[in-house]
Amino acid sequence: MLKTESKFSPSAIELIWSELNKEAKLWSISEPALEKLFQKTILDQKSFKAGMTEVIASELSADDKDYIPIHEAASEAFNNDPFLEEAAAADLCATLERDPACHSYLKPFLFYKGYQAIQAYRLANWLWHEGRKVLAEFVQGRASKVFQVDIHPAATIGKGIMVDHATGVVVGETAVLGNDVSLLHGVTLGGTGKEPGDRHPKIGSGTMIGAGASILGNITIGKSCRIGAGSVVLKDVPDNTSVAGIPAKELGEAGSELPAKTMEQKF
């Protein structure tokens, strides 16, 4: 298994794609009812980015009228921006590495809405920065309906991201997440009112955000922090710090160099 800190060169991504094909062939034999799904998304595709394009378009489209523009946009995005494929590979490895219920690459690639929602966001973000804001917001809207995850296309998110369970995650327009961040269901990275401009949190790399936590306002959460489940965070948090409560209070050090990878929920 590749680690998320590995450099995701084309050859590394090719290894992941090879594993996805092996798993798809095995799963086609063990569960023939899903053979067509494995064929369409993996075995008929020529590369990781082609498979990812097919998954995004298939998941987000309500019918053929939606499928065609989404597939075309995703194909264009992946072919023009190598970061999208690298980030998708890093997110996949992060999920396999950190989720104890995940034992294959194929499971999150095809079945985990948290993983798929982040890839849908990445497409919307690419479209947003290409000036195609209407299509970006269409993709965001479809992702919100399909995955119950609402990430503004203008948000800035690094790679090696795991969104576990995912339902109810909200990330605002000016929010920033570094690399190797893990967040669970029900997390809100929101504002504190109707003020315009830069109004959402900045999350440092390596941070773990527990289920149902709300981080509100233009505040900074340092690198390698732990945010307790159900917390409401309203002020800056220093690097390598654990916080919990309503409002959240500092409880000491985070307990590891990268809480997002250890996923330790006990404080």
Protein backbone atom coordinates (compact mmCIF):
# COMPACT_ATOMS: atom_id res chain seq x y z
CA MET A 1 0.00 0.00 0.00
CA LEU A 2 1.37 3.42 -0.95
CA LYS A 3 1.57 5.96 1.87
CA THR A 4 0.02 9.41 1.47
CA GLU A 5 3.37 11.06 2.02
CA SER A 6 4.78 9.27 -1.02
CA LYS A 7 5.37 11.28 -4.15
CA PHE A 8 2.59 10.38 -6.52
CA SER A 9 4.54 10.08 -9.73
CA PRO A 10 2.86 8.68 -12.86
CA SER A 11 4.42 5.30 -12.08
CA ALA A 12 2.95 5.33 -8.54
CA ILE A 13 -0.49 6.15 -9.90
CA GLU A 14 -0.06 3.37 -12.46
CA LEU A 15 0.55 0.92 -9.59
CA ILE A 16 -2.69 2.01 -7.92
CA TRP A 17 -4.53 1.62 -11.23
CA SER A 18 -3.10 -1.87 -11.61
CA GLU A 19 -4.38 -2.79 -8.15
CA LEU A 20 -7.81 -1.36 -8.97
CA ASN A 21 -7.96 -3.59 -12.07
CA LYS A 22 -6.93 -6.68 -10.12
CA GLU A 23 -9.58 -6.01 -7.49
CA ALA A 24 -12.25 -5.32 -10.14
CA LYS A 25 -11.53 -8.65 -11.83
CA LEU A 26 -11.72 -10.52 -8.53
CA TRP A 27 -14.89 -8.76 -7.46
CA SER A 28 -16.50 -9.45 -10.85
CA ILE A 29 -16.02 -13.15 -10.19
CA SER A 30 -17.12 -13.06 -6.56
CA GLU A 31 -20.16 -10.82 -7.23
CA PRO A 32 -21.39 -11.27 -10.84
CA ALA A 33 -24.38 -8.99 -10.17
CA LEU A 34 -21.98 -6.02 -10.20
CA GLU A 35 -19.84 -7.17 -13.12
CA LYS A 36 -21.18 -4.46 -15.44
CA LEU A 37 -20.34 -1.76 -12.88
CA PHE A 38 -16.75 -2.99 -12.54
CA GLN A 39 -16.47 -3.27 -16.31
CA LYS A 40 -17.78 0.25 -16.97
CA THR A 41 -15.79 2.09 -14.31
CA ILE A 42 -12.52 0.15 -14.25
CA LEU A 43 -11.98 -2.66 -16.74
CA ASP A 44 -13.16 -0.73 -19.82
CA GLN A 45 -11.05 2.32 -18.88
CA LYS A 46 -7.45 2.91 -19.90
CA SER A 47 -6.14 4.85 -16.90
CA PHE A 48 -6.78 5.99 -13.33
CA LYS A 49 -7.96 9.40 -14.52
CA ALA A 50 -10.30 7.83 -17.09
CA GLY A 51 -11.81 5.63 -14.40
CA MET A 52 -12.18 8.58 -12.05
CA THR A 53 -13.86 10.59 -14.81
CA GLU A 54 -16.37 7.78 -15.36
CA VAL A 55 -17.12 7.47 -11.64
CA ILE A 56 -17.68 11.22 -11.19
CA ALA A 57 -19.92 11.49 -14.25
CA SER A 58 -21.92 8.39 -13.37
CA GLU A 59 -22.46 9.38 -9.73
CA LEU A 60 -23.41 13.00 -10.40
CA SER A 61 -25.65 12.59 -13.43
CA ALA A 62 -29.40 12.13 -13.11
CA ASP A 63 -29.68 11.21 -16.81
CA ASP A 64 -27.76 11.31 -20.09
CA LYS A 65 -28.28 15.07 -20.38
CA ASP A 66 -26.27 15.54 -17.18
CA TYR A 67 -23.77 12.74 -17.86
CA ILE A 68 -22.39 14.14 -21.11
CA PRO A 69 -21.39 17.66 -19.93
CA ILE A 70 -20.06 16.34 -16.59
CA HIS A 71 -18.02 13.62 -18.30
CA GLU A 72 -16.66 16.08 -20.85
CA ALA A 73 -15.74 18.59 -18.15
CA ALA A 74 -14.08 15.95 -15.96
CA SER A 75 -12.12 14.54 -18.89
CA GLU A 76 -10.92 18.02 -19.83
CA ALA A 77 -9.97 18.80 -16.22
CA PHE A 78 -7.98 15.60 -15.65
CA ASN A 79 -6.20 15.91 -18.99
CA ASN A 80 -5.19 19.53 -18.38
CA ASP A 81 -4.32 19.54 -14.67
CA PRO A 82 -2.06 16.74 -13.38
CA PHE A 83 -2.75 17.81 -9.78
CA LEU A 84 -6.29 16.42 -9.99
CA GLU A 85 -5.08 12.88 -10.65
CA GLU A 86 -2.31 13.14 -8.06
CA ALA A 87 -4.73 14.46 -5.44
CA ALA A 88 -7.28 11.75 -6.23
CA ALA A 89 -4.60 9.09 -5.78
CA ALA A 90 -3.42 10.67 -2.52
CA ASP A 91 -6.99 10.87 -1.20
CA LEU A 92 -7.52 7.21 -2.09
CA CYS A 93 -4.38 6.14 -0.22
CA ALA A 94 -5.35 8.32 2.74
CA THR A 95 -8.71 6.56 2.98
CA LEU A 96 -7.17 3.10 2.77
CA GLU A 97 -4.49 4.02 5.30
CA ARG A 98 -6.75 5.66 7.91
CA ASP A 99 -10.12 3.89 7.73
CA PRO A 100 -10.00 0.52 9.54
CA ALA A 101 -13.10 -0.61 7.62
CA CYS A 102 -11.38 -0.11 4.27
CA HIS A 103 -9.29 -3.00 2.92
CA SER A 104 -8.99 -2.24 -0.80
CA TYR A 105 -8.53 0.62 -3.24
CA LEU A 106 -11.70 -0.28 -5.09
CA LYS A 107 -14.05 0.11 -2.13
CA PRO A 108 -13.63 3.90 -1.68
CA PHE A 109 -13.11 4.43 -5.42
CA LEU A 110 -16.58 3.07 -6.18
CA PHE A 111 -18.55 3.06 -2.93
CA TYR A 112 -17.37 5.76 -0.48
CA LYS A 113 -19.27 9.00 -0.89
CA GLY A 114 -16.71 10.94 1.15
CA TYR A 115 -13.98 10.07 -1.33
CA GLN A 116 -16.21 10.70 -4.33
CA ALA A 117 -17.48 14.01 -2.91
CA ILE A 118 -13.92 15.33 -2.62
CA GLN A 119 -13.24 14.39 -6.24
CA ALA A 120 -16.45 16.11 -7.33
CA TYR A 121 -15.30 19.20 -5.41
CA ARG A 122 -11.94 19.07 -7.20
CA LEU A 123 -13.72 19.12 -10.56
CA ALA A 124 -15.92 22.03 -9.46
CA ASN A 125 -12.86 23.90 -8.16
CA TRP A 126 -11.05 23.45 -11.48
CA LEU A 127 -14.10 24.72 -13.37
CA TRP A 128 -14.40 27.69 -10.98
CA HIS A 129 -10.82 28.77 -11.64
CA GLU A 130 -11.33 28.29 -15.38
CA GLY A 131 -14.11 30.89 -15.20
CA ARG A 132 -16.86 28.31 -15.75
CA LYS A 133 -18.67 29.18 -12.54
CA VAL A 134 -22.16 28.14 -13.63
CA LEU A 135 -21.04 24.58 -14.42
CA ALA A 136 -18.95 24.56 -11.21
CA GLU A 137 -22.02 25.43 -9.16
CA PHE A 138 -24.06 22.83 -11.03
CA VAL A 139 -21.50 20.17 -10.08
CA GLN A 140 -21.55 21.44 -6.48
CA GLY A 141 -25.34 21.25 -6.41
CA ARG A 142 -25.39 17.73 -7.77
CA ALA A 143 -22.71 16.62 -5.29
CA SER A 144 -24.71 18.12 -2.42
CA LYS A 145 -27.84 16.23 -3.49
CA VAL A 146 -26.09 12.92 -4.22
CA PHE A 147 -23.53 12.80 -1.39
CA GLN A 148 -25.05 15.16 1.22
CA VAL A 149 -21.72 17.01 1.21
CA ASP A 150 -21.66 20.73 0.40
CA ILE A 151 -18.24 22.13 -0.53
CA HIS A 152 -18.09 25.50 -2.23
CA PRO A 153 -16.14 25.33 -5.52
CA ALA A 154 -13.92 28.25 -4.44
CA ALA A 155 -12.70 26.55 -1.25
CA THR A 156 -9.03 25.53 -1.22
CA ILE A 157 -8.28 21.91 -0.28
CA GLY A 158 -4.95 20.09 -0.33
CA LYS A 159 -4.33 16.42 -1.06
CA GLY A 160 -4.31 13.32 1.14
CA ILE A 161 -7.80 14.19 2.44
CA MET A 162 -10.08 11.67 4.12
CA VAL A 163 -13.75 12.48 4.66
CA ASP A 164 -15.10 9.60 6.74
CA HIS A 165 -18.84 8.81 6.46
CA ALA A 166 -19.21 12.34 5.02
CA THR A 167 -22.93 13.02 5.55
CA GLY A 168 -23.54 16.63 6.51
CA VAL A 169 -20.06 18.01 5.80
CA VAL A 170 -20.13 21.71 4.85
CA VAL A 171 -17.08 23.71 3.67
CA GLY A 172 -17.47 27.41 2.95
CA GLU A 173 -16.25 29.52 0.06
CA THR A 174 -13.09 30.95 1.65
CA ALA A 175 -12.15 27.92 3.74
CA VAL A 176 -8.66 26.46 3.33
CA LEU A 177 -7.56 22.91 4.22
CA GLY A 178 -3.92 21.86 4.09
CA ASN A 179 -2.60 18.45 3.13
CA ASP A 180 -3.34 15.22 5.03
CA VAL A 181 -6.46 16.46 6.83
CA SER A 182 -9.09 14.03 8.11
CA LEU A 183 -12.65 15.05 8.92
CA LEU A 184 -15.68 13.05 9.92
CA HIS A 185 -19.38 13.40 9.24
CA GLY A 186 -21.26 16.51 10.25
CA VAL A 187 -18.25 18.84 10.20
CA THR A 188 -18.95 22.49 9.37
CA LEU A 189 -16.26 24.94 8.27
CA GLY A 190 -18.49 27.99 8.17
CA GLY A 191 -18.87 31.69 8.80
CA THR A 192 -20.27 33.51 11.78
CA GLY A 193 -22.87 35.62 10.02
CA LYS A 194 -23.63 37.44 6.79
CA GLU A 195 -20.33 39.28 6.43
CA PRO A 196 -18.76 39.04 2.94
CA GLY A 197 -15.10 38.49 2.12
CA ASP A 198 -12.66 36.12 3.79
CA ARG A 199 -14.90 34.60 6.45
CA HIS A 200 -14.12 30.89 6.80
CA PRO A 201 -11.55 28.81 8.74
CA LYS A 202 -8.03 27.89 7.68
CA ILE A 203 -7.11 24.32 8.67
CA GLY A 204 -3.47 23.30 9.01
CA SER A 205 -2.01 20.14 7.50
CA GLY A 206 -2.23 16.94 9.54
CA THR A 207 -5.29 18.03 11.53
CA MET A 208 -8.13 15.71 12.53
CA ILE A 209 -11.65 17.14 12.93
CA GLY A 210 -14.11 14.97 14.86
CA ALA A 211 -17.72 14.22 13.98
CA GLY A 212 -20.17 17.08 14.29
CA ALA A 213 -17.52 19.72 15.01
CA SER A 214 -18.17 23.30 13.85
CA ILE A 215 -15.27 25.65 13.16
CA LEU A 216 -16.63 29.10 12.49
CA GLY A 217 -15.19 32.36 11.24
CA ASN A 218 -11.91 33.46 9.67
CA ILE A 219 -9.77 31.70 12.26
CA THR A 220 -6.66 29.55 11.97
CA ILE A 221 -6.40 25.97 13.19
CA GLY A 222 -2.72 25.12 13.34
CA LYS A 223 -0.92 22.13 11.91
CA SER A 224 -1.45 18.68 13.47
CA CYS A 225 -4.34 19.63 15.73
CA ARG A 226 -7.21 17.54 17.12
CA ILE A 227 -10.73 18.96 17.19
CA GLY A 228 -13.05 16.96 19.42
CA ALA A 229 -16.37 15.61 18.22
CA GLY A 230 -19.23 18.07 18.65
CA SER A 231 -16.96 21.01 19.44
CA VAL A 232 -17.66 24.60 18.45
CA VAL A 233 -14.38 26.36 17.70
CA LEU A 234 -14.50 30.16 17.54
CA LYS A 235 -10.87 31.22 17.98
CA ASP A 236 -7.40 30.33 16.71
CA VAL A 237 -5.83 27.05 17.79
CA PRO A 238 -2.00 26.73 18.01
CA ASP A 239 -0.10 23.97 16.21
CA ASN A 240 -0.20 20.46 17.72
CA THR A 241 -3.06 21.24 20.13
CA SER A 242 -6.18 19.34 21.16
CA VAL A 243 -9.39 21.30 21.71
CA ALA A 244 -12.92 20.22 22.63
CA GLY A 245 -16.14 21.59 24.07
CA ILE A 246 -18.68 24.36 23.47
CA PRO A 247 -17.03 26.73 23.11
CA ALA A 248 -13.87 24.71 22.49
CA LYS A 249 -11.03 24.95 25.01
CA GLU A 250 -7.43 23.85 24.76
CA LEU A 251 -6.76 20.47 26.40
CA GLY A 252 -3.05 20.15 25.80
CA GLU A 253 -0.95 18.68 23.00
CA ALA A 254 -2.49 16.73 20.14
CA GLY A 255 -0.89 13.44 21.16
CA SER A 256 0.87 12.66 17.88
CA GLU A 257 2.74 14.34 15.06
CA LEU A 258 -0.11 13.75 12.61
CA PRO A 259 -3.50 13.29 14.31
CA ALA A 260 -5.16 13.03 10.89
CA LYS A 261 -3.34 9.74 10.35
CA THR A 262 -3.59 8.22 13.84
CA MET A 263 -7.30 9.18 14.05
CA GLU A 264 -7.24 8.94 17.85
CA GLN A 265 -10.65 10.08 19.12
CA LYS A 266 -10.03 9.78 22.87
CA PHE A 267 -8.91 12.93 24.68
